[in-house]
Amino acid sequence: LLELKKQVWQMKVCRRMGAARIVEDLEDSDDDDDDGPELTEEKVEAYAAEVEALRNALGLQWTWFEEELMAGHYDAQLSGKAPVVAQGPPKLELPHSIGEGPSAKATQRQGPGRSQSGQGAKQ
């Protein structure tokens, strides 16, 4: 079931396939193995949503997440054997020179709440 969830998410999110197409493709590839539960469009949506919820909780872009997911890094979380530890937003440190461009200097001269015409901000 774990591999099916990962495969469904990959097809739905990475390949942008519709649920009906995913069901069709997976049923065609599993013709010789009919002992598993029937895959429906509702299950496809649920599996994809479950994996996507994990990705969102971790704060990862799908491209990075896909590689780690397929390598098995999140198997314990998906199977419910380990808690999902949400990471905070990535810290981005900007060089000091970014805030010192011409528009920043103009804003500093004008002061807060003033427009370029010299009139105060409307309140």
C-alpha atoms as a PDB file:
ATOM      1  CA  LEU A   1       0.000   0.000   0.000  1.00  0.00           C
ATOM      2  CA  LEU A   2       2.887   2.337   0.798  1.00  0.00           C
ATOM      3  CA  GLU A   3       4.414   1.956  -2.658  1.00  0.00           C
ATOM      4  CA  LEU A   4       0.982   2.462  -4.228  1.00  0.00           C
ATOM      5  CA  LYS A   5       0.514   5.744  -2.330  1.00  0.00           C
ATOM      6  CA  LYS A   6       3.903   6.983  -3.492  1.00  0.00           C
ATOM      7  CA  GLN A   7       3.228   5.945  -7.086  1.00  0.00           C
ATOM      8  CA  VAL A   8      -0.213   7.602  -7.073  1.00  0.00           C
ATOM      9  CA  TRP A   9       1.210  10.844  -5.665  1.00  0.00           C
ATOM     10  CA  GLN A  10       3.985  10.855  -8.243  1.00  0.00           C
ATOM     11  CA  MET A  11       1.527  10.365 -11.095  1.00  0.00           C
ATOM     12  CA  LYS A  12      -0.963  12.932  -9.763  1.00  0.00           C
ATOM     13  CA  VAL A  13       1.397  15.693  -8.649  1.00  0.00           C
ATOM     14  CA  CYS A  14       4.580  15.256 -10.667  1.00  0.00           C
ATOM     15  CA  ARG A  15       3.077  14.042 -13.910  1.00  0.00           C
ATOM     16  CA  ARG A  16      -0.222  15.959 -13.462  1.00  0.00           C
ATOM     17  CA  MET A  17      -2.353  13.007 -14.444  1.00  0.00           C
ATOM     18  CA  GLY A  18      -6.061  12.857 -13.666  1.00  0.00           C
ATOM     19  CA  ALA A  19      -7.469  10.340 -11.203  1.00  0.00           C
ATOM     20  CA  ALA A  20      -9.304   8.353 -13.902  1.00  0.00           C
ATOM     21  CA  ARG A  21      -6.137   8.037 -15.962  1.00  0.00           C
ATOM     22  CA  ILE A  22      -4.141   6.923 -12.920  1.00  0.00           C
ATOM     23  CA  VAL A  23      -6.690   4.216 -12.121  1.00  0.00           C
ATOM     24  CA  GLU A  24      -6.632   3.067 -15.737  1.00  0.00           C
ATOM     25  CA  ASP A  25      -2.829   2.989 -15.949  1.00  0.00           C
ATOM     26  CA  LEU A  26      -2.345   1.200 -12.636  1.00  0.00           C
ATOM     27  CA  GLU A  27      -5.046  -1.376 -13.368  1.00  0.00           C
ATOM     28  CA  ASP A  28      -3.447  -2.095 -16.753  1.00  0.00           C
ATOM     29  CA  SER A  29      -0.036  -2.613 -15.144  1.00  0.00           C
ATOM     30  CA  ASP A  30      -1.464  -4.892 -12.413  1.00  0.00           C
ATOM     31  CA  ASP A  31      -3.501  -7.292 -14.584  1.00  0.00           C
ATOM     32  CA  ASP A  32      -1.516 -10.280 -13.329  1.00  0.00           C
ATOM     33  CA  ASP A  33      -1.812  -9.254  -9.639  1.00  0.00           C
ATOM     34  CA  ASP A  34      -5.507  -8.993  -8.748  1.00  0.00           C
ATOM     35  CA  ASP A  35      -5.264  -9.926  -5.070  1.00  0.00           C
ATOM     36  CA  GLY A  36      -5.049  -6.299  -3.869  1.00  0.00           C
ATOM     37  CA  PRO A  37      -7.944  -3.935  -3.163  1.00  0.00           C
ATOM     38  CA  GLU A  38      -9.636  -2.271  -6.125  1.00  0.00           C
ATOM     39  CA  LEU A  39      -8.252   1.170  -6.876  1.00  0.00           C
ATOM     40  CA  THR A  40     -10.910   3.846  -7.368  1.00  0.00           C
ATOM     41  CA  GLU A  41     -10.699   7.525  -8.244  1.00  0.00           C
ATOM     42  CA  GLU A  42     -11.652   8.361  -4.648  1.00  0.00           C
ATOM     43  CA  LYS A  43      -8.750   6.289  -3.336  1.00  0.00           C
ATOM     44  CA  VAL A  44      -6.382   7.945  -5.822  1.00  0.00           C
ATOM     45  CA  GLU A  45      -7.442  11.380  -4.572  1.00  0.00           C
ATOM     46  CA  ALA A  46      -7.144  10.272  -0.936  1.00  0.00           C
ATOM     47  CA  TYR A  47      -3.695   8.723  -1.377  1.00  0.00           C
ATOM     48  CA  ALA A  48      -2.386  11.763  -3.250  1.00  0.00           C
ATOM     49  CA  ALA A  49      -3.845  14.107  -0.618  1.00  0.00           C
ATOM     50  CA  GLU A  50      -2.237  12.100   2.192  1.00  0.00           C
ATOM     51  CA  VAL A  51       1.218  12.287   0.661  1.00  0.00           C
ATOM     52  CA  GLU A  52       0.714  15.946  -0.272  1.00  0.00           C
ATOM     53  CA  ALA A  53      -0.257  16.737   3.338  1.00  0.00           C
ATOM     54  CA  LEU A  54       3.036  15.204   4.474  1.00  0.00           C
ATOM     55  CA  ARG A  55       4.952  17.266   1.910  1.00  0.00           C
ATOM     56  CA  ASN A  56       3.207  20.456   3.015  1.00  0.00           C
ATOM     57  CA  ALA A  57       3.855  19.713   6.693  1.00  0.00           C
ATOM     58  CA  LEU A  58       7.545  19.293   5.945  1.00  0.00           C
ATOM     59  CA  GLY A  59       7.600  22.505   3.921  1.00  0.00           C
ATOM     60  CA  LEU A  60       9.361  20.942   0.948  1.00  0.00           C
ATOM     61  CA  GLN A  61       8.999  21.682  -2.748  1.00  0.00           C
ATOM     62  CA  TRP A  62       7.680  18.693  -4.668  1.00  0.00           C
ATOM     63  CA  THR A  63      10.852  18.264  -6.696  1.00  0.00           C
ATOM     64  CA  TRP A  64      13.010  17.752  -3.598  1.00  0.00           C
ATOM     65  CA  PHE A  65      10.308  15.786  -1.850  1.00  0.00           C
ATOM     66  CA  GLU A  66       9.815  13.401  -4.772  1.00  0.00           C
ATOM     67  CA  GLU A  67      13.418  12.253  -4.740  1.00  0.00           C
ATOM     68  CA  GLU A  68      13.430  11.646  -0.988  1.00  0.00           C
ATOM     69  CA  LEU A  69       9.965  10.058  -1.028  1.00  0.00           C
ATOM     70  CA  MET A  70      10.894   7.539  -3.684  1.00  0.00           C
ATOM     71  CA  ALA A  71      14.123   6.740  -1.790  1.00  0.00           C
ATOM     72  CA  GLY A  72      12.035   5.807   1.260  1.00  0.00           C
ATOM     73  CA  HIS A  73      12.935   8.678   3.579  1.00  0.00           C
ATOM     74  CA  TYR A  74       9.295   9.258   4.607  1.00  0.00           C
ATOM     75  CA  ASP A  75       8.014   5.676   4.699  1.00  0.00           C
ATOM     76  CA  ALA A  76       7.667   5.691   8.492  1.00  0.00           C
ATOM     77  CA  GLN A  77       5.610   8.892   8.458  1.00  0.00           C
ATOM     78  CA  LEU A  78       3.348   7.650   5.664  1.00  0.00           C
ATOM     79  CA  SER A  79       2.758   4.336   7.397  1.00  0.00           C
ATOM     80  CA  GLY A  80       1.977   6.087  10.696  1.00  0.00           C
ATOM     81  CA  LYS A  81       4.960   4.593  12.541  1.00  0.00           C
ATOM     82  CA  ALA A  82       6.663   7.948  13.110  1.00  0.00           C
ATOM     83  CA  PRO A  83       5.308  11.423  13.789  1.00  0.00           C
ATOM     84  CA  VAL A  84       5.533  14.137  11.189  1.00  0.00           C
ATOM     85  CA  VAL A  85       7.885  16.795  12.474  1.00  0.00           C
ATOM     86  CA  ALA A  86       7.004  20.019  10.721  1.00  0.00           C
ATOM     87  CA  GLN A  87       9.908  22.203   9.784  1.00  0.00           C
ATOM     88  CA  GLY A  88       9.638  25.952   9.943  1.00  0.00           C
ATOM     89  CA  PRO A  89       9.928  28.088   6.862  1.00  0.00           C
ATOM     90  CA  PRO A  90      13.405  28.124   5.375  1.00  0.00           C
ATOM     91  CA  LYS A  91      15.596  30.920   6.651  1.00  0.00           C
ATOM     92  CA  LEU A  92      16.737  33.200   3.916  1.00  0.00           C
ATOM     93  CA  GLU A  93      19.504  35.640   4.624  1.00  0.00           C
ATOM     94  CA  LEU A  94      19.823  38.446   2.114  1.00  0.00           C
ATOM     95  CA  PRO A  95      23.053  40.302   1.506  1.00  0.00           C
ATOM     96  CA  HIS A  96      23.104  43.773   3.020  1.00  0.00           C
ATOM     97  CA  SER A  97      23.467  45.392  -0.383  1.00  0.00           C
ATOM     98  CA  ILE A  98      19.961  44.367  -1.505  1.00  0.00           C
ATOM     99  CA  GLY A  99      18.263  46.814   0.842  1.00  0.00           C
ATOM    100  CA  GLU A 100      20.578  49.619  -0.210  1.00  0.00           C
ATOM    101  CA  GLY A 101      19.393  50.078  -3.811  1.00  0.00           C
ATOM    102  CA  PRO A 102      18.114  53.397  -5.231  1.00  0.00           C
ATOM    103  CA  SER A 103      14.487  52.731  -4.278  1.00  0.00           C
ATOM    104  CA  ALA A 104      15.475  51.985  -0.676  1.00  0.00           C
ATOM    105  CA  LYS A 105      17.435  55.240  -0.448  1.00  0.00           C
ATOM    106  CA  ALA A 106      14.486  57.210  -1.836  1.00  0.00           C
ATOM    107  CA  THR A 107      12.187  55.659   0.755  1.00  0.00           C
ATOM    108  CA  GLN A 108      14.633  56.503   3.545  1.00  0.00           C
ATOM    109  CA  ARG A 109      14.815  60.155   2.458  1.00  0.00           C
ATOM    110  CA  GLN A 110      11.050  60.500   2.207  1.00  0.00           C
ATOM    111  CA  GLY A 111      10.360  58.834   5.503  1.00  0.00           C
ATOM    112  CA  PRO A 112       7.564  56.390   6.233  1.00  0.00           C
ATOM    113  CA  GLY A 113       4.064  57.135   4.998  1.00  0.00           C
ATOM    114  CA  ARG A 114       5.075  59.735   2.417  1.00  0.00           C
ATOM    115  CA  SER A 115       4.688  59.461  -1.298  1.00  0.00           C
ATOM    116  CA  GLN A 116       7.120  60.763  -3.891  1.00  0.00           C
ATOM    117  CA  SER A 117       5.024  63.900  -4.359  1.00  0.00           C
ATOM    118  CA  GLY A 118       5.710  64.818  -0.750  1.00  0.00           C
ATOM    119  CA  GLN A 119       2.144  64.337   0.484  1.00  0.00           C
ATOM    120  CA  GLY A 120       1.459  62.122   3.465  1.00  0.00           C
ATOM    121  CA  ALA A 121      -0.240  58.777   3.204  1.00  0.00           C
ATOM    122  CA  LYS A 122      -4.022  58.818   3.250  1.00  0.00           C
ATOM    123  CA  GLN A 123      -5.533  57.323   6.356  1.00  0.00           C
END
